[in-house]
Amino acid sequence: MNRIKELREAKGETLAQMSDEIGVTDNNISRYEHDLRNPKLKTLCTIADYFGVSLDYLLGRTDEKWINKKAHSATTENA
């Protein structure tokens, strides 16, 4: 879960700000960032959507933020 902190800091947000946005306590987010707790799948999906990255990227399975960059481009253009 190392990428959660990396992504949060790159976005310039505090634990409290992220907590308010995704509905997870700042204590739990801190635990995820320090590998003290693993989020449930639903929470992982929420976090990935929040940062606009794939689950594989969030979990460190790939260095590519998007599995299908064309699909991501279409999604962000419609947002």
N, C-alpha and C. Protein backbone atom coordinates (compact mmCIF):
# COMPACT_ATOMS: atom_id res chain seq x y z
N MET A 1 0.81 -1.18 0.00
CA MET A 1 0.00 0.00 0.00
C MET A 1 0.86 1.26 0.00
N ASN A 2 2.13 1.13 -0.32
CA ASN A 2 3.05 2.26 -0.32
C ASN A 2 2.59 3.37 -1.26
N ARG A 3 1.88 3.02 -2.29
CA ARG A 3 1.51 4.03 -3.28
C ARG A 3 0.42 4.97 -2.81
N ILE A 4 -0.33 4.57 -1.81
CA ILE A 4 -1.38 5.45 -1.31
C ILE A 4 -0.77 6.74 -0.80
N LYS A 5 0.24 6.64 0.02
CA LYS A 5 0.89 7.84 0.56
C LYS A 5 1.53 8.65 -0.56
N GLU A 6 2.19 7.96 -1.46
CA GLU A 6 2.83 8.64 -2.60
C GLU A 6 1.81 9.44 -3.40
N LEU A 7 0.68 8.82 -3.71
CA LEU A 7 -0.36 9.49 -4.48
C LEU A 7 -1.01 10.62 -3.70
N ARG A 8 -1.26 10.39 -2.41
CA ARG A 8 -1.87 11.42 -1.58
C ARG A 8 -0.98 12.66 -1.48
N GLU A 9 0.31 12.43 -1.24
CA GLU A 9 1.24 13.56 -1.13
C GLU A 9 1.40 14.28 -2.47
N ALA A 10 1.41 13.53 -3.57
CA ALA A 10 1.52 14.15 -4.89
C ALA A 10 0.31 15.04 -5.17
N LYS A 11 -0.83 14.65 -4.61
CA LYS A 11 -2.05 15.45 -4.77
C LYS A 11 -2.08 16.63 -3.81
N GLY A 12 -1.13 16.62 -2.85
CA GLY A 12 -1.02 17.72 -1.90
C GLY A 12 -2.09 17.70 -0.82
N GLU A 13 -2.54 16.51 -0.45
CA GLU A 13 -3.60 16.39 0.55
C GLU A 13 -3.10 15.78 1.85
N THR A 14 -3.75 16.14 2.92
CA THR A 14 -3.47 15.56 4.23
C THR A 14 -4.31 14.30 4.40
N LEU A 15 -4.00 13.55 5.43
CA LEU A 15 -4.81 12.37 5.75
C LEU A 15 -6.26 12.78 6.01
N ALA A 16 -6.44 13.88 6.73
CA ALA A 16 -7.79 14.35 7.06
C ALA A 16 -8.58 14.72 5.80
N GLN A 17 -7.92 15.38 4.85
CA GLN A 17 -8.61 15.75 3.61
C GLN A 17 -9.02 14.52 2.83
N MET A 18 -8.11 13.57 2.70
CA MET A 18 -8.43 12.34 1.97
C MET A 18 -9.54 11.58 2.69
N SER A 19 -9.47 11.54 3.99
CA SER A 19 -10.48 10.87 4.81
C SER A 19 -11.88 11.43 4.54
N ASP A 20 -11.97 12.74 4.53
CA ASP A 20 -13.26 13.39 4.26
C ASP A 20 -13.79 13.07 2.87
N GLU A 21 -12.89 13.01 1.90
CA GLU A 21 -13.29 12.78 0.51
C GLU A 21 -13.77 11.34 0.25
N ILE A 22 -13.11 10.35 0.87
CA ILE A 22 -13.44 8.96 0.54
C ILE A 22 -14.23 8.24 1.63
N GLY A 23 -14.40 8.88 2.78
CA GLY A 23 -15.22 8.27 3.83
C GLY A 23 -14.54 7.15 4.60
N VAL A 24 -13.21 7.23 4.71
CA VAL A 24 -12.43 6.26 5.49
C VAL A 24 -11.69 7.07 6.54
N THR A 25 -11.60 6.57 7.76
CA THR A 25 -10.95 7.35 8.81
C THR A 25 -9.48 7.60 8.47
N ASP A 26 -8.97 8.73 8.95
CA ASP A 26 -7.57 9.05 8.69
C ASP A 26 -6.65 8.03 9.38
N ASN A 27 -7.09 7.45 10.50
CA ASN A 27 -6.29 6.41 11.15
C ASN A 27 -6.15 5.18 10.25
N ASN A 28 -7.24 4.79 9.59
CA ASN A 28 -7.16 3.64 8.68
C ASN A 28 -6.28 3.94 7.48
N ILE A 29 -6.40 5.14 6.92
CA ILE A 29 -5.56 5.50 5.79
C ILE A 29 -4.09 5.44 6.19
N SER A 30 -3.77 5.95 7.35
CA SER A 30 -2.40 5.89 7.86
C SER A 30 -1.94 4.45 7.99
N ARG A 31 -2.80 3.59 8.48
CA ARG A 31 -2.45 2.17 8.61
C ARG A 31 -2.21 1.53 7.24
N TYR A 32 -3.02 1.92 6.25
CA TYR A 32 -2.81 1.40 4.89
C TYR A 32 -1.45 1.86 4.36
N GLU A 33 -1.15 3.13 4.59
CA GLU A 33 0.11 3.69 4.08
C GLU A 33 1.34 3.06 4.71
N HIS A 34 1.20 2.59 5.94
CA HIS A 34 2.34 1.99 6.64
C HIS A 34 2.28 0.46 6.68
N ASP A 35 1.44 -0.13 5.82
CA ASP A 35 1.30 -1.59 5.73
C ASP A 35 0.96 -2.24 7.07
N LEU A 36 0.18 -1.55 7.89
CA LEU A 36 -0.25 -2.12 9.16
C LEU A 36 -1.65 -2.73 9.04
N ARG A 37 -2.33 -2.41 7.95
CA ARG A 37 -3.67 -2.92 7.70
C ARG A 37 -3.91 -2.94 6.20
N ASN A 38 -4.67 -3.93 5.75
CA ASN A 38 -5.02 -4.02 4.33
C ASN A 38 -6.47 -3.60 4.13
N PRO A 39 -6.70 -2.69 3.19
CA PRO A 39 -8.08 -2.28 2.93
C PRO A 39 -8.88 -3.38 2.24
N LYS A 40 -10.18 -3.36 2.46
CA LYS A 40 -11.08 -4.28 1.77
C LYS A 40 -11.13 -3.89 0.29
N LEU A 41 -11.59 -4.81 -0.54
CA LEU A 41 -11.64 -4.57 -1.98
C LEU A 41 -12.45 -3.32 -2.32
N LYS A 42 -13.59 -3.14 -1.68
CA LYS A 42 -14.42 -1.97 -1.95
C LYS A 42 -13.64 -0.68 -1.65
N THR A 43 -12.89 -0.68 -0.55
CA THR A 43 -12.09 0.50 -0.19
C THR A 43 -10.97 0.71 -1.20
N LEU A 44 -10.33 -0.38 -1.63
CA LEU A 44 -9.28 -0.27 -2.65
C LEU A 44 -9.83 0.37 -3.92
N CYS A 45 -11.01 -0.07 -4.33
CA CYS A 45 -11.63 0.50 -5.54
C CYS A 45 -11.92 1.98 -5.35
N THR A 46 -12.40 2.36 -4.18
CA THR A 46 -12.67 3.76 -3.88
C THR A 46 -11.40 4.59 -3.95
N ILE A 47 -10.32 4.07 -3.38
CA ILE A 47 -9.03 4.78 -3.38
C ILE A 47 -8.49 4.90 -4.81
N ALA A 48 -8.56 3.81 -5.58
CA ALA A 48 -8.08 3.85 -6.97
C ALA A 48 -8.88 4.87 -7.78
N ASP A 49 -10.19 4.87 -7.61
CA ASP A 49 -11.03 5.85 -8.31
C ASP A 49 -10.71 7.27 -7.87
N TYR A 50 -10.48 7.46 -6.60
CA TYR A 50 -10.17 8.78 -6.05
C TYR A 50 -8.91 9.36 -6.70
N PHE A 51 -7.90 8.52 -6.88
CA PHE A 51 -6.66 8.99 -7.48
C PHE A 51 -6.64 8.83 -8.99
N GLY A 52 -7.63 8.16 -9.55
CA GLY A 52 -7.69 7.97 -10.99
C GLY A 52 -6.62 7.03 -11.51
N VAL A 53 -6.37 5.95 -10.75
CA VAL A 53 -5.37 4.96 -11.16
C VAL A 53 -6.01 3.58 -11.16
N SER A 54 -5.33 2.63 -11.79
CA SER A 54 -5.83 1.25 -11.79
C SER A 54 -5.53 0.58 -10.46
N LEU A 55 -6.28 -0.47 -10.16
CA LEU A 55 -5.99 -1.26 -8.96
C LEU A 55 -4.61 -1.87 -9.03
N ASP A 56 -4.21 -2.34 -10.20
CA ASP A 56 -2.88 -2.93 -10.35
C ASP A 56 -1.79 -1.92 -10.00
N TYR A 57 -1.95 -0.69 -10.41
CA TYR A 57 -0.97 0.34 -10.06
C TYR A 57 -0.98 0.59 -8.55
N LEU A 58 -2.16 0.73 -8.00
CA LEU A 58 -2.28 1.00 -6.57
C LEU A 58 -1.64 -0.10 -5.74
N LEU A 59 -1.78 -1.34 -6.19
CA LEU A 59 -1.24 -2.49 -5.46
C LEU A 59 0.23 -2.76 -5.77
N GLY A 60 0.80 -2.00 -6.68
CA GLY A 60 2.21 -2.18 -7.01
C GLY A 60 2.48 -3.32 -7.98
N ARG A 61 1.44 -3.80 -8.66
CA ARG A 61 1.60 -4.90 -9.61
C ARG A 61 2.13 -4.42 -10.95
N THR A 62 2.03 -3.11 -11.20
CA THR A 62 2.52 -2.53 -12.44
C THR A 62 2.94 -1.08 -12.16
N ASP A 63 3.79 -0.57 -13.03
CA ASP A 63 4.17 0.83 -12.94
C ASP A 63 3.34 1.69 -13.88
N GLU A 64 2.48 1.06 -14.65
CA GLU A 64 1.57 1.77 -15.55
C GLU A 64 0.33 2.17 -14.77
N LYS A 65 0.04 3.45 -14.73
CA LYS A 65 -1.14 3.88 -13.97
C LYS A 65 -2.44 3.43 -14.62
N TRP A 66 -2.41 3.21 -15.93
CA TRP A 66 -3.62 2.85 -16.66
C TRP A 66 -3.41 1.56 -17.42
N ILE A 67 -4.34 0.68 -17.34
CA ILE A 67 -4.28 -0.55 -18.13
C ILE A 67 -4.64 -0.21 -19.57
N ASN A 68 -5.66 0.61 -19.75
CA ASN A 68 -6.11 1.00 -21.07
C ASN A 68 -6.14 2.53 -21.12
N LYS A 69 -5.06 3.12 -21.59
CA LYS A 69 -4.93 4.57 -21.59
C LYS A 69 -6.00 5.25 -22.45
N LYS A 70 -6.41 4.59 -23.53
CA LYS A 70 -7.44 5.17 -24.40
C LYS A 70 -8.76 5.26 -23.64
N ALA A 71 -9.11 4.23 -22.91
CA ALA A 71 -10.34 4.24 -22.12
C ALA A 71 -10.26 5.30 -21.03
N HIS A 72 -9.09 5.46 -20.41
CA HIS A 72 -8.93 6.48 -19.37
C HIS A 72 -9.09 7.87 -19.96
N SER A 73 -8.55 8.10 -21.12
CA SER A 73 -8.67 9.41 -21.75
C SER A 73 -10.13 9.75 -22.01
N ALA A 74 -10.89 8.79 -22.48
CA ALA A 74 -12.30 9.01 -22.76
C ALA A 74 -13.05 9.30 -21.46
N THR A 75 -12.69 8.62 -20.39
CA THR A 75 -13.35 8.82 -19.10
C THR A 75 -13.06 10.19 -18.55
N THR A 76 -11.82 10.63 -18.60
CA THR A 76 -11.46 11.93 -18.03
C THR A 76 -12.00 13.09 -18.88
N GLU A 77 -12.15 12.87 -20.16
CA GLU A 77 -12.71 13.93 -21.02
C GLU A 77 -14.18 14.13 -20.73
N ASN A 78 -14.87 13.07 -20.33
CA ASN A 78 -16.31 13.15 -20.06
C ASN A 78 -16.59 13.60 -18.64
N ALA A 79 -15.58 13.69 -17.81
CA ALA A 79 -15.80 14.05 -16.39
C ALA A 79 -16.04 15.52 -16.21
